[in-house]
C-alpha atoms as a PDB file:
ATOM      1  CA  MET A   1       0.395   0.116  -0.007  1.00  0.00           C
ATOM      2  CA  LYS A   2       1.394   3.440  -1.440  1.00  0.00           C
ATOM      3  CA  LYS A   3       2.133   5.772   1.577  1.00  0.00           C
ATOM      4  CA  ILE A   4       0.761   9.398   0.409  1.00  0.00           C
ATOM      5  CA  VAL A   5       1.137  12.619   2.614  1.00  0.00           C
ATOM      6  CA  THR A   6      -0.986  15.956   1.720  1.00  0.00           C
ATOM      7  CA  ILE A   7       0.110  18.878   2.801  1.00  0.00           C
ATOM      8  CA  GLY A   8      -2.368  21.870   3.138  1.00  0.00           C
ATOM      9  CA  GLY A   9      -5.621  22.909   4.717  1.00  0.00           C
ATOM     10  CA  GLY A  10      -8.905  24.382   3.766  1.00  0.00           C
ATOM     11  CA  THR A  11     -11.661  22.885   1.373  1.00  0.00           C
ATOM     12  CA  GLY A  12      -8.685  22.097  -1.005  1.00  0.00           C
ATOM     13  CA  THR A  13      -7.329  19.310   1.254  1.00  0.00           C
ATOM     14  CA  PHE A  14     -11.183  18.190   2.163  1.00  0.00           C
ATOM     15  CA  ASN A  15     -11.844  17.229  -1.589  1.00  0.00           C
ATOM     16  CA  LEU A  16      -8.620  15.687  -1.987  1.00  0.00           C
ATOM     17  CA  LEU A  17      -9.137  13.664   0.671  1.00  0.00           C
ATOM     18  CA  LEU A  18     -12.953  12.762   0.109  1.00  0.00           C
ATOM     19  CA  GLY A  19     -11.130  11.144  -3.126  1.00  0.00           C
ATOM     20  CA  LEU A  20      -7.925   9.481  -1.943  1.00  0.00           C
ATOM     21  CA  LYS A  21      -9.871   7.608   0.420  1.00  0.00           C
ATOM     22  CA  LYS A  22     -11.745   5.821  -2.286  1.00  0.00           C
ATOM     23  CA  TYR A  23      -8.323   3.966  -3.253  1.00  0.00           C
ATOM     24  CA  ASN A  24      -5.901   1.440  -1.340  1.00  0.00           C
ATOM     25  CA  PHE A  25      -3.691   4.479  -0.396  1.00  0.00           C
ATOM     26  CA  ASP A  26      -2.189   4.936   3.266  1.00  0.00           C
ATOM     27  CA  ILE A  27      -3.019   8.577   3.840  1.00  0.00           C
ATOM     28  CA  SER A  28      -1.440  10.707   6.237  1.00  0.00           C
ATOM     29  CA  ALA A  29      -3.151  14.551   6.008  1.00  0.00           C
ATOM     30  CA  ILE A  30      -0.583  17.442   7.317  1.00  0.00           C
ATOM     31  CA  VAL A  31      -2.190  20.381   8.245  1.00  0.00           C
ATOM     32  CA  SER A  32      -1.528  24.021   8.780  1.00  0.00           C
ATOM     33  CA  MET A  33      -1.997  25.227  12.106  1.00  0.00           C
ATOM     34  CA  ALA A  34      -1.939  28.959  11.788  1.00  0.00           C
ATOM     35  CA  ASP A  35      -5.502  29.562  10.503  1.00  0.00           C
ATOM     36  CA  SER A  36      -6.731  33.107  12.533  1.00  0.00           C
ATOM     37  CA  GLY A  37     -10.171  34.054  10.828  1.00  0.00           C
ATOM     38  CA  GLY A  38     -13.543  33.172  11.449  1.00  0.00           C
ATOM     39  CA  SER A  39     -14.537  30.890  14.667  1.00  0.00           C
ATOM     40  CA  ASN A  40     -10.561  29.750  14.611  1.00  0.00           C
ATOM     41  CA  LYS A  41     -10.481  33.365  16.218  1.00  0.00           C
ATOM     42  CA  VAL A  42     -12.366  32.602  18.861  1.00  0.00           C
ATOM     43  CA  ILE A  43     -10.874  29.041  19.516  1.00  0.00           C
ATOM     44  CA  ARG A  44      -7.470  30.488  19.563  1.00  0.00           C
ATOM     45  CA  ASP A  45      -8.169  33.865  21.553  1.00  0.00           C
ATOM     46  CA  GLU A  46     -10.831  32.457  24.367  1.00  0.00           C
ATOM     47  CA  PHE A  47     -10.289  28.486  24.310  1.00  0.00           C
ATOM     48  CA  GLY A  48      -6.335  29.336  24.346  1.00  0.00           C
ATOM     49  CA  ILE A  49      -5.901  26.260  22.003  1.00  0.00           C
ATOM     50  CA  LEU A  50      -4.701  26.113  18.593  1.00  0.00           C
ATOM     51  CA  PRO A  51      -7.148  26.289  15.524  1.00  0.00           C
ATOM     52  CA  THR A  52      -9.215  23.651  14.540  1.00  0.00           C
ATOM     53  CA  SER A  53     -11.006  24.192  11.440  1.00  0.00           C
ATOM     54  CA  ASP A  54      -8.871  22.731   9.226  1.00  0.00           C
ATOM     55  CA  VAL A  55      -8.360  19.532  11.320  1.00  0.00           C
ATOM     56  CA  ARG A  56     -11.888  18.676  11.631  1.00  0.00           C
ATOM     57  CA  GLN A  57     -12.422  19.261   7.754  1.00  0.00           C
ATOM     58  CA  CYS A  58      -9.633  16.719   7.164  1.00  0.00           C
ATOM     59  CA  LEU A  59     -10.695  14.311   9.993  1.00  0.00           C
ATOM     60  CA  VAL A  60     -14.747  14.920   8.493  1.00  0.00           C
ATOM     61  CA  ALA A  61     -13.082  13.906   5.056  1.00  0.00           C
ATOM     62  CA  LEU A  62     -11.559  10.911   6.109  1.00  0.00           C
ATOM     63  CA  ALA A  63     -14.402   9.418   8.058  1.00  0.00           C
ATOM     64  CA  ASP A  64     -16.356   6.411   7.696  1.00  0.00           C
ATOM     65  CA  GLU A  65     -18.903   6.836   4.825  1.00  0.00           C
ATOM     66  CA  GLY A  66     -20.497   3.180   5.338  1.00  0.00           C
ATOM     67  CA  ASN A  67     -24.205   2.095   5.977  1.00  0.00           C
ATOM     68  CA  ASP A  68     -24.226   3.223   9.567  1.00  0.00           C
ATOM     69  CA  ASP A  69     -26.562   5.908  10.212  1.00  0.00           C
ATOM     70  CA  SER A  70     -25.064   7.098  13.283  1.00  0.00           C
ATOM     71  CA  GLN A  71     -21.603   7.132  11.663  1.00  0.00           C
ATOM     72  CA  ASN A  72     -23.023   9.743   8.927  1.00  0.00           C
ATOM     73  CA  LEU A  73     -24.816  11.588  11.850  1.00  0.00           C
ATOM     74  CA  MET A  74     -21.917  12.111  13.463  1.00  0.00           C
ATOM     75  CA  ARG A  75     -19.967  13.478   9.880  1.00  0.00           C
ATOM     76  CA  LYS A  76     -22.582  16.113   9.464  1.00  0.00           C
ATOM     77  CA  LEU A  77     -22.981  16.922  13.381  1.00  0.00           C
ATOM     78  CA  PHE A  78     -18.585  17.672  12.611  1.00  0.00           C
ATOM     79  CA  MET A  79     -19.514  20.283   9.610  1.00  0.00           C
ATOM     80  CA  TYR A  80     -22.720  21.771  11.348  1.00  0.00           C
ATOM     81  CA  ARG A  81     -22.378  25.351  11.505  1.00  0.00           C
ATOM     82  CA  PHE A  82     -24.471  27.559  14.206  1.00  0.00           C
ATOM     83  CA  ASN A  83     -26.455  30.294  12.517  1.00  0.00           C
ATOM     84  CA  GLU A  84     -28.165  31.565  15.522  1.00  0.00           C
ATOM     85  CA  GLY A  85     -27.177  31.832  19.017  1.00  0.00           C
ATOM     86  CA  ARG A  86     -24.974  35.280  20.774  1.00  0.00           C
ATOM     87  CA  GLY A  87     -21.138  33.948  20.700  1.00  0.00           C
ATOM     88  CA  ILE A  88     -21.624  30.897  19.028  1.00  0.00           C
ATOM     89  CA  LYS A  89     -23.301  32.062  15.619  1.00  0.00           C
ATOM     90  CA  GLY A  90     -20.508  30.570  12.759  1.00  0.00           C
ATOM     91  CA  MET A  91     -19.086  28.179  15.075  1.00  0.00           C
ATOM     92  CA  THR A  92     -19.051  24.547  14.063  1.00  0.00           C
ATOM     93  CA  PHE A  93     -20.155  21.733  16.216  1.00  0.00           C
ATOM     94  CA  GLY A  94     -16.815  20.249  15.590  1.00  0.00           C
ATOM     95  CA  ASN A  95     -14.654  22.723  16.404  1.00  0.00           C
ATOM     96  CA  LEU A  96     -16.267  23.274  19.888  1.00  0.00           C
ATOM     97  CA  PHE A  97     -16.497  19.351  20.419  1.00  0.00           C
ATOM     98  CA  MET A  98     -12.797  18.983  19.925  1.00  0.00           C
ATOM     99  CA  ALA A  99     -12.034  22.340  22.245  1.00  0.00           C
ATOM    100  CA  ALA A 100     -14.208  20.590  25.041  1.00  0.00           C
ATOM    101  CA  LEU A 101     -12.460  17.293  24.370  1.00  0.00           C
ATOM    102  CA  ALA A 102      -9.015  18.959  24.696  1.00  0.00           C
ATOM    103  CA  ASP A 103     -10.073  20.685  27.841  1.00  0.00           C
ATOM    104  CA  ILE A 104     -11.155  17.201  29.092  1.00  0.00           C
ATOM    105  CA  LEU A 105      -8.324  15.615  28.117  1.00  0.00           C
ATOM    106  CA  GLY A 106      -5.839  18.274  28.940  1.00  0.00           C
ATOM    107  CA  ASN A 107      -4.106  17.828  25.318  1.00  0.00           C
ATOM    108  CA  GLN A 108      -5.386  19.074  22.287  1.00  0.00           C
ATOM    109  CA  MET A 109      -2.836  16.332  20.186  1.00  0.00           C
ATOM    110  CA  GLU A 110      -4.694  13.471  21.852  1.00  0.00           C
ATOM    111  CA  ALA A 111      -7.868  15.011  21.165  1.00  0.00           C
ATOM    112  CA  ILE A 112      -7.394  15.116  17.499  1.00  0.00           C
ATOM    113  CA  ARG A 113      -6.396  11.435  17.602  1.00  0.00           C
ATOM    114  CA  LYS A 114      -9.258  10.630  20.018  1.00  0.00           C
ATOM    115  CA  THR A 115     -11.722  12.422  17.225  1.00  0.00           C
ATOM    116  CA  GLY A 116     -10.161  10.390  14.516  1.00  0.00           C
ATOM    117  CA  ASN A 117     -11.566   7.034  16.562  1.00  0.00           C
ATOM    118  CA  ILE A 118     -14.472   8.079  16.851  1.00  0.00           C
ATOM    119  CA  LEU A 119     -15.123   9.514  13.242  1.00  0.00           C
ATOM    120  CA  LYS A 120     -13.546   5.860  12.286  1.00  0.00           C
ATOM    121  CA  ILE A 121     -11.253   7.893   9.766  1.00  0.00           C
ATOM    122  CA  LYS A 122      -9.458   5.872   7.234  1.00  0.00           C
ATOM    123  CA  GLY A 123      -5.737   7.435   7.591  1.00  0.00           C
ATOM    124  CA  ARG A 124      -4.104  10.051  10.073  1.00  0.00           C
ATOM    125  CA  VAL A 125      -4.219  13.921  10.682  1.00  0.00           C
ATOM    126  CA  ILE A 126      -1.358  15.431  11.589  1.00  0.00           C
ATOM    127  CA  PRO A 127      -1.190  18.965  12.416  1.00  0.00           C
ATOM    128  CA  VAL A 128       2.051  20.280  11.302  1.00  0.00           C
ATOM    129  CA  THR A 129       3.050  21.536  14.820  1.00  0.00           C
ATOM    130  CA  ASN A 130       1.908  22.023  18.255  1.00  0.00           C
ATOM    131  CA  SER A 131       3.310  25.295  18.184  1.00  0.00           C
ATOM    132  CA  ASP A 132       1.324  28.375  19.000  1.00  0.00           C
ATOM    133  CA  SER A 133       2.509  30.632  15.768  1.00  0.00           C
ATOM    134  CA  ASN A 134       1.382  33.648  13.584  1.00  0.00           C
ATOM    135  CA  LEU A 135       1.705  33.750  10.010  1.00  0.00           C
ATOM    136  CA  VAL A 136       3.483  37.043   8.571  1.00  0.00           C
ATOM    137  CA  ALA A 137       3.798  38.354   5.226  1.00  0.00           C
ATOM    138  CA  GLU A 138       6.341  40.869   4.156  1.00  0.00           C
ATOM    139  CA  TYR A 139       5.109  42.801   0.958  1.00  0.00           C
ATOM    140  CA  GLU A 140       7.630  43.970  -1.924  1.00  0.00           C
ATOM    141  CA  ASN A 141       6.598  47.274  -0.461  1.00  0.00           C
ATOM    142  CA  GLY A 142       8.140  46.231   3.034  1.00  0.00           C
ATOM    143  CA  LEU A 143       4.671  46.315   4.602  1.00  0.00           C
ATOM    144  CA  LYS A 144       4.115  43.342   6.916  1.00  0.00           C
ATOM    145  CA  VAL A 145       0.988  41.809   7.846  1.00  0.00           C
ATOM    146  CA  VAL A 146       0.552  39.498  10.580  1.00  0.00           C
ATOM    147  CA  GLY A 147      -2.302  36.867  10.629  1.00  0.00           C
ATOM    148  CA  GLU A 148      -3.592  34.590   7.963  1.00  0.00           C
ATOM    149  CA  HIS A 149      -6.576  35.589   7.881  1.00  0.00           C
ATOM    150  CA  ASN A 150      -5.646  39.448   7.291  1.00  0.00           C
ATOM    151  CA  ILE A 151      -3.319  37.805   4.688  1.00  0.00           C
ATOM    152  CA  ASP A 152      -6.372  36.010   2.882  1.00  0.00           C
ATOM    153  CA  GLU A 153      -8.463  39.049   3.168  1.00  0.00           C
ATOM    154  CA  PRO A 154      -6.432  42.041   3.076  1.00  0.00           C
ATOM    155  CA  LYS A 155      -7.197  45.558   3.788  1.00  0.00           C
ATOM    156  CA  HIS A 156      -4.196  46.513   2.085  1.00  0.00           C
ATOM    157  CA  SER A 157      -3.831  46.775  -1.575  1.00  0.00           C
ATOM    158  CA  GLY A 158      -4.006  43.100  -2.447  1.00  0.00           C
ATOM    159  CA  LYS A 159      -2.070  43.856  -5.671  1.00  0.00           C
ATOM    160  CA  ILE A 160       1.301  44.107  -3.913  1.00  0.00           C
ATOM    161  CA  LYS A 161       3.280  41.345  -4.090  1.00  0.00           C
ATOM    162  CA  ILE A 162       4.363  38.931  -1.025  1.00  0.00           C
ATOM    163  CA  LYS A 163       8.017  38.898  -0.481  1.00  0.00           C
ATOM    164  CA  LYS A 164       8.363  36.481   1.907  1.00  0.00           C
ATOM    165  CA  ILE A 165       6.180  34.410   4.771  1.00  0.00           C
ATOM    166  CA  TYR A 166       7.151  33.107   8.110  1.00  0.00           C
ATOM    167  CA  LEU A 167       5.730  32.498  11.423  1.00  0.00           C
ATOM    168  CA  ASP A 168       6.217  34.216  14.588  1.00  0.00           C
ATOM    169  CA  PRO A 169       7.414  33.267  16.774  1.00  0.00           C
ATOM    170  CA  PRO A 170       8.920  30.255  15.003  1.00  0.00           C
ATOM    171  CA  SER A 171       7.604  26.850  15.732  1.00  0.00           C
ATOM    172  CA  VAL A 172       8.854  23.265  15.146  1.00  0.00           C
ATOM    173  CA  ALA A 173       7.479  20.502  13.509  1.00  0.00           C
ATOM    174  CA  ASN A 174       5.512  17.826  14.780  1.00  0.00           C
ATOM    175  CA  PHE A 175       7.480  14.712  14.643  1.00  0.00           C
ATOM    176  CA  GLU A 176       4.819  12.560  13.211  1.00  0.00           C
ATOM    177  CA  ALA A 177       4.368  15.324  10.656  1.00  0.00           C
ATOM    178  CA  ILE A 178       8.345  14.846   9.822  1.00  0.00           C
ATOM    179  CA  SER A 179       8.334  10.626  10.218  1.00  0.00           C
ATOM    180  CA  ALA A 180       5.672  11.070   7.593  1.00  0.00           C
ATOM    181  CA  ILE A 181       7.025  12.858   5.042  1.00  0.00           C
ATOM    182  CA  GLU A 182      10.575  10.920   5.519  1.00  0.00           C
ATOM    183  CA  ASN A 183       8.438   7.663   4.709  1.00  0.00           C
ATOM    184  CA  ALA A 184       6.147   8.600   1.876  1.00  0.00           C
ATOM    185  CA  ASP A 185       5.810   7.672  -1.833  1.00  0.00           C
ATOM    186  CA  PHE A 186       3.953  10.503  -2.443  1.00  0.00           C
ATOM    187  CA  ILE A 187       3.622  13.644  -1.268  1.00  0.00           C
ATOM    188  CA  ILE A 188       1.004  16.181  -2.830  1.00  0.00           C
ATOM    189  CA  ILE A 189       0.696  19.681  -2.326  1.00  0.00           C
ATOM    190  CA  GLY A 190      -2.345  21.547  -2.747  1.00  0.00           C
ATOM    191  CA  PRO A 191      -4.848  22.275  -3.852  1.00  0.00           C
ATOM    192  CA  GLY A 192      -5.002  25.815  -1.825  1.00  0.00           C
ATOM    193  CA  ASP A 193      -4.023  29.152  -1.186  1.00  0.00           C
ATOM    194  CA  LEU A 194      -0.522  29.456  -2.158  1.00  0.00           C
ATOM    195  CA  TYR A 195       0.877  30.954   1.140  1.00  0.00           C
ATOM    196  CA  THR A 196      -1.881  30.758   3.606  1.00  0.00           C
ATOM    197  CA  SER A 197      -3.125  27.101   2.999  1.00  0.00           C
ATOM    198  CA  LEU A 198       0.362  25.585   1.841  1.00  0.00           C
ATOM    199  CA  MET A 199       3.590  27.803   2.101  1.00  0.00           C
ATOM    200  CA  VAL A 200       2.823  28.464   5.652  1.00  0.00           C
ATOM    201  CA  ASN A 201       3.501  24.263   6.555  1.00  0.00           C
ATOM    202  CA  LEU A 202       6.853  24.825   4.949  1.00  0.00           C
ATOM    203  CA  ALA A 203       7.616  27.611   7.027  1.00  0.00           C
ATOM    204  CA  VAL A 204       7.215  25.283  10.199  1.00  0.00           C
ATOM    205  CA  GLY A 205      10.718  24.660  11.249  1.00  0.00           C
ATOM    206  CA  GLY A 206      12.367  20.907  10.024  1.00  0.00           C
ATOM    207  CA  VAL A 207       9.038  20.623   7.222  1.00  0.00           C
ATOM    208  CA  ALA A 208      11.314  21.676   4.314  1.00  0.00           C
ATOM    209  CA  LYS A 209      14.247  20.289   4.933  1.00  0.00           C
ATOM    210  CA  ALA A 210      12.456  16.805   5.493  1.00  0.00           C
ATOM    211  CA  ILE A 211      10.858  17.339   1.816  1.00  0.00           C
ATOM    212  CA  LYS A 212      13.886  18.317   0.542  1.00  0.00           C
ATOM    213  CA  ASN A 213      15.715  15.096   1.453  1.00  0.00           C
ATOM    214  CA  THR A 214      12.803  12.645   1.108  1.00  0.00           C
ATOM    215  CA  LYS A 215      12.916   9.909  -1.291  1.00  0.00           C
ATOM    216  CA  ALA A 216       8.874  10.546  -2.199  1.00  0.00           C
ATOM    217  CA  LYS A 217       7.357  11.721  -5.709  1.00  0.00           C
ATOM    218  CA  ILE A 218       6.051  15.360  -4.685  1.00  0.00           C
ATOM    219  CA  VAL A 219       3.003  16.452  -6.816  1.00  0.00           C
ATOM    220  CA  TYR A 220       1.951  19.757  -6.770  1.00  0.00           C
ATOM    221  CA  VAL A 221      -1.627  20.734  -7.555  1.00  0.00           C
ATOM    222  CA  MET A 222      -1.865  24.233  -9.828  1.00  0.00           C
ATOM    223  CA  ASN A 223      -4.164  26.791  -8.638  1.00  0.00           C
ATOM    224  CA  ILE A 224      -7.121  27.506 -10.434  1.00  0.00           C
ATOM    225  CA  MET A 225      -7.472  31.005  -9.889  1.00  0.00           C
ATOM    226  CA  THR A 226      -5.383  33.617  -8.511  1.00  0.00           C
ATOM    227  CA  SER A 227      -6.317  35.380  -5.032  1.00  0.00           C
ATOM    228  CA  PHE A 228      -5.959  38.545  -4.464  1.00  0.00           C
ATOM    229  CA  GLY A 229      -3.720  39.333  -1.883  1.00  0.00           C
ATOM    230  CA  GLU A 230      -1.674  36.876  -2.152  1.00  0.00           C
ATOM    231  CA  THR A 231      -1.106  35.554  -5.356  1.00  0.00           C
ATOM    232  CA  TYR A 232      -2.545  38.255  -8.091  1.00  0.00           C
ATOM    233  CA  GLY A 233      -1.123  38.579 -11.330  1.00  0.00           C
ATOM    234  CA  LEU A 234       1.058  35.414 -10.575  1.00  0.00           C
ATOM    235  CA  SER A 235       1.420  32.699 -13.581  1.00  0.00           C
ATOM    236  CA  ALA A 236       1.717  29.052 -12.985  1.00  0.00           C
ATOM    237  CA  LEU A 237       5.680  29.495 -13.598  1.00  0.00           C
ATOM    238  CA  ASP A 238       5.382  31.731 -10.906  1.00  0.00           C
ATOM    239  CA  HIS A 239       3.959  29.444  -8.133  1.00  0.00           C
ATOM    240  CA  ILE A 240       5.968  26.526  -9.105  1.00  0.00           C
ATOM    241  CA  GLU A 241       9.150  28.788  -8.591  1.00  0.00           C
ATOM    242  CA  ILE A 242       7.443  29.553  -4.846  1.00  0.00           C
ATOM    243  CA  VAL A 243       6.783  25.853  -3.833  1.00  0.00           C
ATOM    244  CA  GLU A 244      10.545  25.026  -5.354  1.00  0.00           C
ATOM    245  CA  LYS A 245      12.462  28.008  -2.988  1.00  0.00           C
ATOM    246  CA  TYR A 246      10.309  26.881   0.020  1.00  0.00           C
ATOM    247  CA  MET A 247      11.193  23.380  -0.526  1.00  0.00           C
ATOM    248  CA  GLN A 248      14.593  24.689  -0.286  1.00  0.00           C
ATOM    249  CA  GLY A 249      15.319  24.385  -4.004  1.00  0.00           C
ATOM    250  CA  ARG A 250      13.828  20.999  -4.491  1.00  0.00           C
ATOM    251  CA  LYS A 251      12.140  20.159  -7.676  1.00  0.00           C
ATOM    252  CA  LEU A 252       8.679  18.968  -8.159  1.00  0.00           C
ATOM    253  CA  ASP A 253       8.089  15.611  -9.365  1.00  0.00           C
ATOM    254  CA  TYR A 254       4.391  16.018 -11.047  1.00  0.00           C
ATOM    255  CA  ILE A 255       2.588  18.990 -11.839  1.00  0.00           C
ATOM    256  CA  LEU A 256      -1.286  18.836 -12.017  1.00  0.00           C
ATOM    257  CA  LEU A 257      -2.954  21.403 -14.047  1.00  0.00           C
ATOM    258  CA  ASN A 258      -6.567  21.926 -15.041  1.00  0.00           C
ATOM    259  CA  SER A 259      -6.724  22.198 -18.745  1.00  0.00           C
ATOM    260  CA  LYS A 260     -10.586  22.319 -18.713  1.00  0.00           C
ATOM    261  CA  LYS A 261     -12.649  25.465 -19.523  1.00  0.00           C
ATOM    262  CA  LEU A 262     -13.871  27.390 -16.568  1.00  0.00           C
ATOM    263  CA  PRO A 263     -17.876  28.868 -16.960  1.00  0.00           C
ATOM    264  CA  ASP A 264     -17.949  32.545 -17.828  1.00  0.00           C
ATOM    265  CA  ASP A 265     -20.607  33.345 -15.351  1.00  0.00           C
ATOM    266  CA  ILE A 266     -18.356  32.207 -12.306  1.00  0.00           C
ATOM    267  CA  ILE A 267     -15.235  34.065 -13.945  1.00  0.00           C
ATOM    268  CA  LYS A 268     -17.269  37.172 -14.164  1.00  0.00           C
ATOM    269  CA  LYS A 269     -17.985  36.698 -10.219  1.00  0.00           C
ATOM    270  CA  TYR A 270     -14.277  36.474  -9.482  1.00  0.00           C
ATOM    271  CA  GLU A 271     -13.474  39.098 -11.303  1.00  0.00           C
ATOM    272  CA  LYS A 272     -15.265  41.490  -9.203  1.00  0.00           C
ATOM    273  CA  ALA A 273     -13.040  40.440  -6.400  1.00  0.00           C
ATOM    274  CA  ASN A 274      -9.889  40.666  -8.366  1.00  0.00           C
ATOM    275  CA  ASP A 275      -9.331  36.998  -8.952  1.00  0.00           C
ATOM    276  CA  TYR A 276      -8.571  35.521 -11.996  1.00  0.00           C
ATOM    277  CA  PRO A 277      -7.634  32.410 -13.946  1.00  0.00           C
ATOM    278  CA  VAL A 278      -3.927  31.494 -13.392  1.00  0.00           C
ATOM    279  CA  LYS A 279      -2.286  31.707 -16.834  1.00  0.00           C
ATOM    280  CA  ASP A 280      -0.433  28.452 -18.278  1.00  0.00           C
ATOM    281  CA  ASP A 281       2.712  29.758 -19.268  1.00  0.00           C
ATOM    282  CA  LEU A 282       4.335  26.274 -18.695  1.00  0.00           C
ATOM    283  CA  SER A 283       6.415  24.667 -21.265  1.00  0.00           C
ATOM    284  CA  LYS A 284       4.485  22.360 -23.429  1.00  0.00           C
ATOM    285  CA  GLY A 285       7.370  19.993 -23.674  1.00  0.00           C
ATOM    286  CA  ASP A 286       7.843  19.694 -19.741  1.00  0.00           C
ATOM    287  CA  LYS A 287       7.276  15.952 -18.941  1.00  0.00           C
ATOM    288  CA  ARG A 288       6.209  16.743 -15.509  1.00  0.00           C
ATOM    289  CA  ILE A 289       3.160  18.339 -15.975  1.00  0.00           C
ATOM    290  CA  ILE A 290      -0.443  16.511 -16.542  1.00  0.00           C
ATOM    291  CA  ARG A 291      -2.669  18.606 -17.933  1.00  0.00           C
ATOM    292  CA  ALA A 292      -6.283  17.173 -17.637  1.00  0.00           C
ATOM    293  CA  ASP A 293      -9.742  18.043 -16.611  1.00  0.00           C
ATOM    294  CA  PHE A 294      -9.229  18.327 -12.201  1.00  0.00           C
ATOM    295  CA  LEU A 295     -12.478  20.662 -11.632  1.00  0.00           C
ATOM    296  CA  SER A 296     -15.166  19.510  -9.710  1.00  0.00           C
ATOM    297  CA  ASN A 297     -18.846  19.484 -10.991  1.00  0.00           C
ATOM    298  CA  GLU A 298     -20.278  20.346  -7.579  1.00  0.00           C
ATOM    299  CA  ASN A 299     -22.777  22.752  -7.185  1.00  0.00           C
ATOM    300  CA  ILE A 300     -21.005  25.306  -4.677  1.00  0.00           C
ATOM    301  CA  LYS A 301     -23.703  26.447  -2.184  1.00  0.00           C
ATOM    302  CA  LYS A 302     -22.228  28.862   0.669  1.00  0.00           C
ATOM    303  CA  ASP A 303     -23.587  27.982   4.242  1.00  0.00           C
ATOM    304  CA  LYS A 304     -25.751  31.250   5.743  1.00  0.00           C
ATOM    305  CA  ALA A 305     -23.712  31.385   8.625  1.00  0.00           C
ATOM    306  CA  ASP A 306     -20.612  31.379   7.197  1.00  0.00           C
ATOM    307  CA  VAL A 307     -18.982  34.599   7.616  1.00  0.00           C
ATOM    308  CA  LEU A 308     -15.779  33.925   5.334  1.00  0.00           C
ATOM    309  CA  GLN A 309     -15.079  33.719   1.700  1.00  0.00           C
ATOM    310  CA  ARG A 310     -15.222  30.570  -0.221  1.00  0.00           C
ATOM    311  CA  SER A 311     -14.076  29.305  -3.546  1.00  0.00           C
ATOM    312  CA  LEU A 312     -16.771  29.094  -6.155  1.00  0.00           C
ATOM    313  CA  ILE A 313     -14.276  26.934  -8.415  1.00  0.00           C
ATOM    314  CA  ARG A 314     -13.050  23.854  -6.662  1.00  0.00           C
ATOM    315  CA  HIS A 315     -10.717  21.068  -7.808  1.00  0.00           C
ATOM    316  CA  SER A 316     -12.544  17.133  -7.984  1.00  0.00           C
ATOM    317  CA  GLY A 317     -10.536  15.079  -4.968  1.00  0.00           C
ATOM    318  CA  GLU A 318     -11.920  12.318  -7.376  1.00  0.00           C
ATOM    319  CA  LYS A 319      -9.859  13.161 -10.576  1.00  0.00           C
ATOM    320  CA  ILE A 320      -6.951  14.128  -8.576  1.00  0.00           C
ATOM    321  CA  ALA A 321      -6.894  10.528  -6.522  1.00  0.00           C
ATOM    322  CA  ARG A 322      -7.857   9.119  -9.920  1.00  0.00           C
ATOM    323  CA  ALA A 323      -4.480  10.877 -11.787  1.00  0.00           C
ATOM    324  CA  ILE A 324      -2.160   9.821  -8.602  1.00  0.00           C
ATOM    325  CA  GLU A 325      -3.510   6.080  -8.897  1.00  0.00           C
ATOM    326  CA  LYS A 326      -2.483   6.330 -12.682  1.00  0.00           C
ATOM    327  CA  ILE A 327       1.097   7.846 -11.966  1.00  0.00           C
ATOM    328  CA  ASN A 328       1.787   5.216  -9.190  1.00  0.00           C
ATOM    329  CA  SER A 329       0.762   2.268 -11.517  1.00  0.00           C
ATOM    330  CA  GLU A 330       2.668   3.777 -14.215  1.00  0.00           C
ATOM    331  CA  LYS A 331       5.720   3.743 -11.954  1.00  0.00           C
ATOM    332  CA  ALA A 332       4.773   0.173 -11.109  1.00  0.00           C
ATOM    333  CA  SER A 333       4.894  -0.813 -14.695  1.00  0.00           C
ATOM    334  CA  LEU A 334       8.183   0.808 -15.425  1.00  0.00           C
ATOM    335  CA  LEU A 335       9.545  -1.130 -12.459  1.00  0.00           C
ATOM    336  CA  LEU A 336       8.754  -4.621 -14.238  1.00  0.00           C
ATOM    337  CA  HIS A 337      10.101  -4.124 -17.458  1.00  0.00           C
END
């Protein structure tokens, strides 16, 4: 059974895991722990624990989806978002559950493991770090912005390019995360916001070095749209150069790039927020690039209690998983000849 490690957070990783768990993979999801928006701000400020939303989404994505009605009800409960109530409006049941369990057990990491047992997940969900840090972005004009949420939904001009990111205070990687990277067969980076969901993980002490030295094949899922405040004006080549820089020069082995035409009506909605399709300026002869239809056919409906901006165009986890399975099969075939 091939060991697959995903690195990311948010909806992109959620959809990816939904697809991967349908295949015979040993899955480890390494998750960002620097989120500072929405209910995560409440979790951090009032409960004094690390953000739980990305962890919760990964746990639900990997949860058992058998014929057990009670198990399916648990999945729905963990995704339920309160739309009324002073103080809890916008919060999810899953976040509050894990905050309570962390208090009962006296250890947030143990609470995450126990929640995984309750949901009967296929694989492991591994927080990238146990340290409490904030993401800091330094822009080309010298501006510094603290907090993942403030970077993702900027109050400054979102057209200014990010020069570098780092964590303050510096954080150290979870041992389980490093071990998973070192022993992986495939590492999948993305899909997700380039800096706030993906590179934030590589900014954790020890992660980039482990990725640089691993024997695993590294797959990058190219973003479909740019993100105002993070990647405004960046092309596909720009994305790759940034990822490889934060991997300390390690080159990507495969790049999955959507080639299906995007719906015009959706593009117009994105343009109002200064977000545009990522320009494919990659070499047609680069054998690392797999161009295919990676779009989700899901009709995206925003939860009325959700105060955060959410993507309207998303990757299909099933299509990405199918591509990984094909890469794996072709590699096995080559080894036999």
